[in-house]
């Protein structure tokens, strides 16, 4: 698929705080209402404190804005009393269940924001989870159920797999490989565009220095190519950052203009001096080499692998977490 075809297919075209009124002396009814509210609030606080997400509230202003996304973990299996026959409070591995979910929430927060504090929080949760499983292992010396001991060993194996996948995601989040499309653009496409622009500008200068300003057709094709390369360069940079949210019209037009100018220049080679024709062929090769990598970036931008850290979290970490939870339930 050409760069043009790929592009056409993928790209879519008041003050909050008021004055506090002075309170009159409360009546008995008001006092009763206040006391009832305090009791309800206390019950709610106890409920929150015992939930698997206790202590995972936002630790910064920035995290507060993404907390709804963090809390909604999609297919992550929540360990709570809504699971039939499974009560955390009565389960000796309650701490393990709570901490394992804390590692998932912390890592997801880090993937979403890239903030160092979430990485630190995730690392602390991992250390505590390892310690919790270690304590569970120590307590197993008093168990008389052999099958339960086998399940504990299975749990430890699944924990190791889960944490290895989490560590991979944490490493990807801050590495140059998180966005392979960005790396391809930065290391391959952008240098090729710069090379093509430099060759085009140089050849225009050479032809204009010839008697009579050089072949009119060749100069015209090169002028159009120079503008098209400039536009493609800017539009591709925008596309890498914004993806399909940008309009396809301008970028498609620039690619079409680039292809037309390349065809026109190729038709003018026979009328150019040998050294000029050789420079023009090198320019055409540089322009032609842009098609495949541009196609690859356009294709990557439309799939989940564009953000490889998040893709790996969804495809690798969450399934390992499900497996870990399934084994953990057998210890109840």
Protein backbone atom coordinates (compact mmCIF):
# COMPACT_ATOMS: atom_id res chain seq x y z
CA UNK A 1 0.00 0.00 0.00
CA UNK A 2 1.42 3.41 -0.91
CA UNK A 3 1.76 6.19 1.63
CA UNK A 4 -1.12 8.00 -0.08
CA UNK A 5 -3.41 4.97 0.02
CA UNK A 6 -2.58 4.28 3.65
CA UNK A 7 -3.29 7.87 4.58
CA UNK A 8 -6.63 7.92 2.80
CA UNK A 9 -7.63 4.71 4.59
CA UNK A 10 -6.47 5.51 8.10
CA UNK A 11 -6.81 9.28 8.57
CA UNK A 12 -10.32 10.82 9.21
CA UNK A 13 -10.88 13.63 7.69
CA UNK A 14 -17.64 32.24 39.42
CA UNK A 15 -16.19 31.92 42.68
CA UNK A 16 -16.84 28.34 43.88
CA UNK A 17 -16.77 29.23 47.54
CA UNK A 18 -19.54 31.31 49.09
CA UNK A 19 -19.75 33.07 52.44
CA UNK A 20 -20.57 30.76 55.33
CA UNK A 21 -23.77 31.95 56.96
CA UNK A 22 -23.78 32.32 60.69
CA UNK A 23 -25.47 29.40 62.34
CA UNK A 24 -28.33 29.96 64.72
CA UNK A 25 -28.58 27.97 67.89
CA UNK A 26 -29.49 24.47 66.65
CA UNK A 27 -32.77 22.93 67.67
CA UNK A 28 -33.08 19.40 68.96
CA UNK A 29 -34.23 18.27 65.52
CA UNK A 30 -31.16 19.84 63.87
CA UNK A 31 -28.83 18.25 66.41
CA UNK A 32 -30.43 14.87 65.82
CA UNK A 33 -29.98 15.26 62.09
CA UNK A 34 -26.32 16.22 62.51
CA UNK A 35 -25.66 13.21 64.74
CA UNK A 36 -27.28 10.91 62.19
CA UNK A 37 -25.07 12.34 59.43
CA UNK A 38 -21.96 11.80 61.57
CA UNK A 39 -22.91 8.18 62.14
CA UNK A 40 -23.54 7.58 58.42
CA UNK A 41 -20.24 9.27 57.51
CA UNK A 42 -18.43 7.08 60.04
CA UNK A 43 -19.89 3.94 58.52
CA UNK A 44 -18.86 5.11 55.05
CA UNK A 45 -15.32 5.78 56.24
CA UNK A 46 -15.04 2.31 57.73
CA UNK A 47 -16.28 0.82 54.46
CA UNK A 48 -13.72 2.77 52.45
CA UNK A 49 -10.90 1.90 54.83
CA UNK A 50 -11.57 -1.81 54.41
CA UNK A 51 -11.90 -1.77 50.63
CA UNK A 52 -9.10 -3.08 48.35
CA UNK A 53 -8.53 0.48 47.09
CA UNK A 54 -8.03 2.00 50.56
CA UNK A 55 -4.98 4.24 50.60
CA UNK A 56 -4.90 4.50 46.82
CA UNK A 57 -6.41 7.97 46.59
CA UNK A 58 -4.72 10.71 44.59
CA UNK A 59 -1.36 11.76 45.94
CA UNK A 60 -1.12 14.89 43.83
CA UNK A 61 -3.30 17.42 42.02
CA UNK A 62 -2.41 15.76 38.75
CA UNK A 63 -3.44 12.32 39.93
CA UNK A 64 -6.84 13.60 41.03
CA UNK A 65 -7.74 14.28 37.42
CA UNK A 66 -7.00 10.72 36.31
CA UNK A 67 -8.34 8.92 39.36
CA UNK A 68 -11.67 8.01 37.68
CA UNK A 69 -9.72 6.32 34.89
CA UNK A 70 -7.44 4.57 37.35
CA UNK A 71 -10.26 3.32 39.52
CA UNK A 72 -12.12 1.97 36.51
CA UNK A 73 -9.70 -0.84 35.70
CA UNK A 74 -11.86 -2.44 33.04
CA UNK A 75 -11.39 -6.17 33.03
CA UNK A 76 -9.32 -6.27 36.22
CA UNK A 77 -11.01 -8.74 38.57
CA UNK A 78 -11.98 -6.99 41.77
CA UNK A 79 -11.66 -9.15 44.87
CA UNK A 80 -14.58 -8.16 47.04
CA UNK A 81 -17.64 -9.60 48.72
CA UNK A 82 -19.67 -9.38 45.53
CA UNK A 83 -17.93 -12.58 44.44
CA UNK A 84 -20.21 -15.36 45.58
CA UNK A 85 -18.83 -17.33 48.50
CA UNK A 86 -15.66 -15.24 48.79
CA UNK A 87 -15.25 -13.02 51.84
CA UNK A 88 -12.00 -11.13 52.15
CA UNK A 89 -12.25 -10.55 55.89
CA UNK A 90 -12.44 -14.29 56.56
CA UNK A 91 -9.61 -15.14 54.19
CA UNK A 92 -6.01 -15.51 55.51
CA UNK A 93 -4.68 -14.08 52.23
CA UNK A 94 -6.75 -10.88 52.51
CA UNK A 95 -3.59 -8.76 52.61
CA UNK A 96 -2.30 -10.51 49.48
CA UNK A 97 -5.56 -9.84 47.64
CA UNK A 98 -5.57 -6.18 48.63
CA UNK A 99 -1.91 -5.61 47.83
CA UNK A 100 -2.05 -7.37 44.46
CA UNK A 101 -4.79 -4.99 43.35
CA UNK A 102 -2.77 -2.08 44.69
CA UNK A 103 0.11 -3.03 42.38
CA UNK A 104 -2.29 -3.06 39.41
CA UNK A 105 -3.74 0.33 40.29
CA UNK A 106 -0.32 1.87 40.91
CA UNK A 107 1.13 0.55 37.67
CA UNK A 108 -1.89 1.66 35.63
CA UNK A 109 -1.60 5.12 37.17
CA UNK A 110 2.06 5.25 36.16
CA UNK A 111 1.27 4.15 32.60
CA UNK A 112 -1.47 6.78 32.29
CA UNK A 113 0.51 9.69 33.72
CA UNK A 114 4.20 8.80 33.64
CA UNK A 115 4.54 10.50 37.02
CA UNK A 116 7.44 9.32 39.18
CA UNK A 117 5.32 9.26 42.33
CA UNK A 118 3.11 6.54 40.86
CA UNK A 119 6.19 4.50 39.96
CA UNK A 120 7.37 4.82 43.56
CA UNK A 121 3.92 3.84 44.84
CA UNK A 122 3.85 0.80 42.57
CA UNK A 123 7.31 -0.29 43.72
CA UNK A 124 6.26 -0.01 47.36
CA UNK A 125 3.13 -2.06 46.67
CA UNK A 126 5.24 -4.74 44.98
CA UNK A 127 7.60 -4.93 47.96
CA UNK A 128 4.67 -5.20 50.35
CA UNK A 129 2.98 -7.84 48.19
CA UNK A 130 6.14 -9.96 48.23
CA UNK A 131 6.29 -9.56 52.01
CA UNK A 132 2.61 -10.51 52.38
CA UNK A 133 3.10 -13.70 50.35
CA UNK A 134 6.22 -14.46 52.37
CA UNK A 135 4.21 -14.16 55.59
CA UNK A 136 1.54 -16.41 54.09
CA UNK A 137 4.27 -18.96 53.36
CA UNK A 138 5.50 -18.74 56.95
CA UNK A 139 2.00 -19.27 58.30
CA UNK A 140 1.57 -22.35 56.12
CA UNK A 141 3.82 -24.32 58.49
CA UNK A 142 0.70 -24.86 60.58
CA UNK A 143 -1.47 -26.05 57.69
CA UNK A 144 -2.56 -29.69 57.54
CA UNK A 145 -4.12 -29.55 54.07
CA UNK A 146 -1.65 -30.78 51.42
CA UNK A 147 -3.76 -29.48 48.54
CA UNK A 148 -3.73 -26.04 50.10
CA UNK A 149 0.07 -26.17 50.32
CA UNK A 150 0.23 -27.06 46.63
CA UNK A 151 -2.00 -24.11 45.81
CA UNK A 152 0.27 -21.81 47.78
CA UNK A 153 3.26 -22.93 45.71
CA UNK A 154 1.20 -22.37 42.58
CA UNK A 155 0.31 -18.90 43.84
CA UNK A 156 4.00 -18.03 44.31
CA UNK A 157 4.77 -19.11 40.74
CA UNK A 158 1.92 -16.99 39.36
CA UNK A 159 3.08 -14.05 41.47
CA UNK A 160 6.53 -14.23 39.91
CA UNK A 161 5.04 -14.25 36.39
CA UNK A 162 2.70 -11.36 37.23
CA UNK A 163 5.47 -9.21 38.67
CA UNK A 164 7.79 -9.92 35.75
CA UNK A 165 5.12 -8.64 33.35
CA UNK A 166 4.51 -5.60 35.56
CA UNK A 167 8.22 -4.82 35.60
CA UNK A 168 8.30 -5.05 31.81
CA UNK A 169 5.49 -2.50 31.53
CA UNK A 170 7.15 -0.18 34.05
CA UNK A 171 10.37 -0.31 32.03
CA UNK A 172 8.52 0.28 28.73
CA UNK A 173 6.67 3.29 30.11
CA UNK A 174 9.80 5.42 30.27
CA UNK A 175 11.79 3.80 27.45
CA UNK A 176 12.22 4.82 23.84
CA UNK A 177 10.38 1.66 22.82
CA UNK A 178 7.06 2.68 24.39
CA UNK A 179 5.98 4.38 21.15
CA UNK A 180 7.59 2.41 18.29
CA UNK A 181 5.89 4.64 15.73
CA UNK A 182 7.46 7.73 17.26
CA UNK A 183 10.85 6.07 17.23
CA UNK A 184 10.40 5.08 13.58
CA UNK A 185 9.48 8.66 12.72
CA UNK A 186 12.36 10.16 14.70
CA UNK A 187 15.06 7.76 13.54
CA UNK A 188 13.97 7.03 9.98
CA UNK A 189 11.31 9.28 8.45
CA UNK A 190 12.42 12.66 9.77
CA UNK A 191 16.08 12.21 8.69
CA UNK A 192 14.93 11.07 5.22
CA UNK A 193 12.66 14.09 4.90
CA UNK A 194 15.48 16.42 5.92
CA UNK A 195 17.81 14.77 3.40
CA UNK A 196 15.26 15.07 0.60
CA UNK A 197 14.61 18.72 1.43
CA UNK A 198 18.33 19.49 1.42
CA UNK A 199 18.86 17.74 -1.92
CA UNK A 200 15.88 19.51 -3.46
CA UNK A 201 16.98 22.96 -2.30
CA UNK A 202 20.54 22.35 -3.49
CA UNK A 203 19.46 21.18 -6.94
CA UNK A 204 17.19 24.21 -7.37
CA UNK A 205 20.12 26.50 -6.60
CA UNK A 206 22.34 24.65 -9.09
CA UNK A 207 19.78 24.83 -11.90
CA UNK A 208 19.02 28.49 -11.30
CA UNK A 209 22.73 29.20 -11.59
CA UNK A 210 22.80 27.68 -15.08
CA UNK A 211 22.52 29.98 -18.12
CA UNK A 212 18.88 30.83 -18.61
CA UNK A 213 17.93 29.52 -15.18
CA UNK A 214 18.01 25.84 -16.13
CA UNK A 215 15.27 23.69 -17.70
CA UNK A 216 11.93 25.30 -16.93
CA UNK A 217 10.11 22.00 -16.44
CA UNK A 218 12.71 20.67 -14.02
CA UNK A 219 12.78 23.88 -11.98
CA UNK A 220 8.99 23.94 -11.83
CA UNK A 221 8.84 20.31 -10.65
CA UNK A 222 11.54 20.96 -8.03
CA UNK A 223 9.75 24.07 -6.72
CA UNK A 224 6.56 22.05 -6.25
CA UNK A 225 8.53 19.23 -4.63
CA UNK A 226 10.21 21.59 -2.18
CA UNK A 227 6.83 22.92 -1.01
CA UNK A 228 5.32 19.44 -0.86
CA UNK A 229 8.25 18.12 1.21
CA UNK A 230 7.85 21.02 3.63
CA UNK A 231 4.13 20.33 3.99
CA UNK A 232 4.57 16.56 4.32
CA UNK A 233 7.23 17.10 6.96
CA UNK A 234 4.96 19.32 9.07
CA UNK A 235 1.85 17.19 8.57
CA UNK A 236 3.66 13.96 9.43
CA UNK A 237 5.02 15.51 12.62
CA UNK A 238 1.49 16.58 13.57
CA UNK A 239 0.12 13.13 12.72
CA UNK A 240 2.65 11.39 14.96
CA UNK A 241 1.53 13.53 17.89
CA UNK A 242 -2.20 13.84 17.22
CA UNK A 243 -2.99 10.79 15.11
CA UNK A 244 -6.34 10.62 13.37
CA UNK A 245 -7.59 13.71 15.24
CA UNK A 246 -5.98 15.90 12.57
CA UNK A 247 -7.56 16.48 9.17
CA UNK A 248 -6.43 14.18 6.39
CA UNK A 249 -7.03 16.71 3.61
CA UNK A 250 -3.85 18.77 3.96
CA UNK A 251 -1.59 15.77 4.39
CA UNK A 252 -3.17 13.88 1.51
CA UNK A 253 -2.82 16.94 -0.72
CA UNK A 254 0.85 17.30 0.21
CA UNK A 255 1.56 13.63 -0.56
CA UNK A 256 -0.24 13.90 -3.90
CA UNK A 257 1.74 17.02 -4.78
CA UNK A 258 4.96 15.22 -3.83
CA UNK A 259 4.11 12.26 -6.07
CA UNK A 260 3.16 14.55 -8.98
CA UNK A 261 6.35 16.58 -8.66
CA UNK A 262 8.44 13.40 -8.54
CA UNK A 263 6.80 12.13 -11.72
CA UNK A 264 7.34 15.49 -13.43
CA UNK A 265 10.99 15.61 -12.40
CA UNK A 266 11.53 12.10 -13.71
CA UNK A 267 10.19 13.18 -17.09
CA UNK A 268 12.71 16.04 -17.21
CA UNK A 269 15.85 13.95 -16.63
CA UNK A 270 16.65 13.52 -20.33
CA UNK A 271 16.87 17.31 -20.83
CA UNK A 272 19.22 17.95 -17.89
CA UNK A 273 22.99 18.00 -17.86
CA UNK A 274 24.46 14.64 -16.74
CA UNK A 275 25.59 15.84 -13.32
CA UNK A 276 22.23 17.54 -12.71
CA UNK A 277 20.34 14.42 -13.82
CA UNK A 278 22.43 12.32 -11.43
CA UNK A 279 21.58 14.67 -8.54
CA UNK A 280 17.91 14.55 -9.55
CA UNK A 281 17.93 10.72 -9.51
CA UNK A 282 19.43 10.74 -6.01
CA UNK A 283 16.66 13.11 -4.93
CA UNK A 284 13.99 10.89 -6.46
CA UNK A 285 15.46 7.88 -4.63
CA UNK A 286 15.35 9.81 -1.35
CA UNK A 287 11.71 10.75 -1.93
CA UNK A 288 10.78 7.21 -2.97
CA UNK A 289 12.37 5.76 0.19
CA UNK A 290 9.85 7.70 2.32
CA UNK A 291 6.81 5.68 1.20
CA UNK A 292 7.35 2.44 3.19
CA UNK A 293 8.28 3.98 6.57
CA UNK A 294 5.43 6.49 6.26
CA UNK A 295 3.03 3.62 5.58
CA UNK A 296 4.32 1.86 8.70
CA UNK A 297 3.80 4.90 10.91
CA UNK A 298 0.29 5.45 9.57
CA UNK A 299 -0.55 1.78 10.18
CA UNK A 300 0.90 1.80 13.72
CA UNK A 301 -0.94 4.99 14.64
CA UNK A 302 -4.26 3.24 14.17
CA UNK A 303 -3.64 0.22 16.42
CA UNK A 304 -3.20 -0.40 20.14
CA UNK A 305 0.51 -1.20 19.76
CA UNK A 306 1.17 2.50 19.13
CA UNK A 307 1.43 2.82 22.94
CA UNK A 308 3.24 -0.45 23.56
CA UNK A 309 3.37 0.00 27.34
CA UNK A 310 -0.39 0.30 27.63
CA UNK A 311 -0.89 -2.49 25.10
CA UNK A 312 1.35 -4.79 27.13
CA UNK A 313 -0.49 -3.87 30.34
CA UNK A 314 -3.82 -4.82 28.77
CA UNK A 315 -2.64 -7.92 26.92
CA UNK A 316 -0.09 -9.35 29.35
CA UNK A 317 -0.45 -7.95 32.85
CA UNK A 318 -4.24 -8.14 33.21
CA UNK A 319 -4.44 -11.82 32.12
CA UNK A 320 -1.62 -12.71 34.54
CA UNK A 321 -3.51 -10.89 37.27
CA UNK A 322 -6.65 -12.89 36.51
CA UNK A 323 -4.65 -16.11 36.81
CA UNK A 324 -3.14 -14.97 40.10
CA UNK A 325 -6.60 -14.11 41.48
CA UNK A 326 -8.00 -17.48 40.41
CA UNK A 327 -5.29 -19.34 42.34
CA UNK A 328 -5.69 -17.03 45.32
CA UNK A 329 -9.37 -17.88 45.58
CA UNK A 330 -8.54 -21.56 46.01
CA UNK A 331 -6.75 -20.70 49.25
CA UNK A 332 -9.96 -19.41 50.84
